[in-house]
Amino acid sequence: MNKEVFFFDTYALFEIIKGNEKYIEYAKVGGVTTIFNIAEFNYNLKKERSKEEANKITDDFKSKTIKVEWEDLKKAMDLKIKHKDLSIPDAIGYIVALRLEIRFLTGDDDFKDLENVEFVKK
């Protein structure tokens, strides 16, 4: 693994907080994400944990959120039309990663065969 910044999709965010050993090095080198991935992350955390704990964990990633451009949204929805199983937040994140020229970190099978993906399964 190169010492570079990665885009953390929602799957990656969960693996990082779970302490998945395959994601530890990625967490160390750092990553960015969007507010849309953070929203999906927070929502799913609240299904598993208390509201307070979910919000605290989510707050830990606030400094890693980056801006989404208007064009990113349109391109992401084009991608979602082609790949219907992608979540909207992850489709947006994938397009942002392409724009920023950083690898999209995920273990989500829906991204396995797409370019620019660092695919790491549990």
Protein backbone atom coordinates (compact mmCIF):
# COMPACT_ATOMS: atom_id res chain seq x y z
CA MET A 1 0.00 0.00 0.00
CA ASN A 2 1.33 3.43 -0.94
CA LYS A 3 1.54 6.20 1.61
CA GLU A 4 -1.22 8.25 0.05
CA VAL A 5 -4.61 9.65 0.91
CA PHE A 6 -7.65 7.51 0.13
CA PHE A 7 -11.33 8.22 -0.22
CA PHE A 8 -13.15 6.37 2.57
CA ASP A 9 -16.57 5.16 1.49
CA THR A 10 -19.18 4.20 4.07
CA TYR A 11 -18.02 0.56 4.06
CA ALA A 12 -14.45 1.68 4.82
CA LEU A 13 -15.60 3.99 7.62
CA PHE A 14 -17.33 1.05 9.33
CA GLU A 15 -14.32 -1.23 8.95
CA ILE A 16 -12.06 1.46 10.41
CA ILE A 17 -14.18 1.94 13.54
CA LYS A 18 -14.54 -1.84 13.94
CA GLY A 19 -10.74 -2.06 14.04
CA ASN A 20 -10.54 -4.38 11.03
CA GLU A 21 -6.82 -5.14 10.74
CA LYS A 22 -6.98 -4.89 6.95
CA TYR A 23 -8.04 -1.24 7.31
CA ILE A 24 -5.63 -0.12 10.05
CA GLU A 25 -2.88 1.00 7.66
CA TYR A 26 -5.37 2.95 5.56
CA ALA A 27 -6.62 4.76 8.64
CA LYS A 28 -3.02 5.62 9.55
CA VAL A 29 -2.16 7.15 6.16
CA GLY A 30 -5.41 9.02 6.10
CA GLY A 31 -8.44 9.61 4.03
CA VAL A 32 -11.23 11.90 3.10
CA THR A 33 -14.94 11.43 2.65
CA THR A 34 -18.04 13.48 1.88
CA ILE A 35 -20.83 14.68 4.08
CA PHE A 36 -23.11 12.29 2.19
CA ASN A 37 -21.02 9.30 3.28
CA ILE A 38 -20.97 10.68 6.81
CA ALA A 39 -24.78 10.94 6.75
CA GLU A 40 -25.12 7.32 5.63
CA PHE A 41 -22.53 6.28 8.23
CA ASN A 42 -24.34 8.14 11.04
CA TYR A 43 -27.70 6.70 10.03
CA ASN A 44 -26.39 3.13 10.06
CA LEU A 45 -24.50 3.66 13.32
CA LYS A 46 -27.74 4.77 14.95
CA LYS A 47 -29.29 1.43 14.02
CA GLU A 48 -26.57 -0.32 16.07
CA ARG A 49 -25.64 2.09 18.85
CA SER A 50 -27.05 4.84 20.99
CA LYS A 51 -27.69 8.21 19.39
CA GLU A 52 -25.02 9.82 21.58
CA GLU A 53 -22.37 7.22 20.75
CA ALA A 54 -23.20 7.35 17.02
CA ASN A 55 -22.93 11.13 17.01
CA LYS A 56 -19.60 11.05 18.87
CA ILE A 57 -18.10 8.54 16.43
CA THR A 58 -19.42 10.55 13.50
CA ASP A 59 -17.93 13.76 14.91
CA ASP A 60 -14.49 12.10 14.84
CA PHE A 61 -14.65 12.15 11.02
CA LYS A 62 -15.79 15.76 10.62
CA SER A 63 -12.31 17.02 9.77
CA LYS A 64 -12.06 14.47 6.96
CA THR A 65 -15.07 15.73 5.01
CA ILE A 66 -14.40 17.47 1.74
CA LYS A 67 -16.48 19.59 -0.57
CA VAL A 68 -18.64 18.06 -3.27
CA GLU A 69 -18.80 20.04 -6.50
CA TRP A 70 -22.04 20.53 -8.43
CA GLU A 71 -20.64 18.55 -11.38
CA ASP A 72 -19.77 15.67 -9.03
CA LEU A 73 -23.46 15.24 -8.23
CA LYS A 74 -24.50 15.08 -11.87
CA LYS A 75 -21.74 12.64 -12.79
CA ALA A 76 -22.55 10.49 -9.75
CA MET A 77 -26.19 10.20 -10.78
CA ASP A 78 -25.07 9.17 -14.28
CA LEU A 79 -22.99 6.46 -12.60
CA LYS A 80 -25.92 5.40 -10.43
CA ILE A 81 -28.13 5.02 -13.53
CA LYS A 82 -25.56 2.53 -14.92
CA HIS A 83 -24.89 0.81 -11.57
CA LYS A 84 -28.25 0.78 -9.82
CA ASP A 85 -27.02 -1.08 -6.72
CA LEU A 86 -24.62 1.68 -5.67
CA SER A 87 -25.77 3.86 -2.80
CA ILE A 88 -26.11 7.53 -3.68
CA PRO A 89 -23.48 8.60 -1.10
CA ASP A 90 -20.98 6.04 -2.42
CA ALA A 91 -21.64 6.98 -6.05
CA ILE A 92 -20.93 10.61 -5.16
CA GLY A 93 -17.82 9.62 -3.24
CA TYR A 94 -16.52 7.53 -6.12
CA ILE A 95 -16.84 10.49 -8.50
CA VAL A 96 -15.15 12.80 -5.99
CA ALA A 97 -12.27 10.31 -5.67
CA LEU A 98 -11.88 10.29 -9.45
CA ARG A 99 -11.83 14.09 -9.56
CA LEU A 100 -9.24 14.28 -6.78
CA GLU A 101 -7.21 11.46 -8.36
CA ILE A 102 -7.17 9.41 -5.17
CA ARG A 103 -8.10 5.76 -4.70
CA PHE A 104 -11.64 4.89 -3.58
CA LEU A 105 -11.31 2.54 -0.57
CA THR A 106 -14.11 0.02 -0.14
CA GLY A 107 -15.02 -3.61 0.38
CA ASP A 108 -18.40 -3.13 -1.28
CA ASP A 109 -18.75 -5.77 -4.00
CA ASP A 110 -20.61 -3.31 -6.24
CA PHE A 111 -17.30 -1.45 -6.77
CA LYS A 112 -15.06 -4.49 -7.18
CA ASP A 113 -14.60 -4.19 -10.94
CA LEU A 114 -14.55 -0.40 -11.29
CA GLU A 115 -11.35 1.50 -12.02
CA ASN A 116 -9.59 3.50 -9.30
CA VAL A 117 -10.87 1.25 -6.51
CA GLU A 118 -8.76 -0.06 -3.64
CA PHE A 119 -10.88 -3.13 -2.88
CA VAL A 120 -10.34 -4.60 0.59
CA LYS A 121 -12.79 -7.20 1.83
CA LYS A 122 -13.24 -8.13 5.50
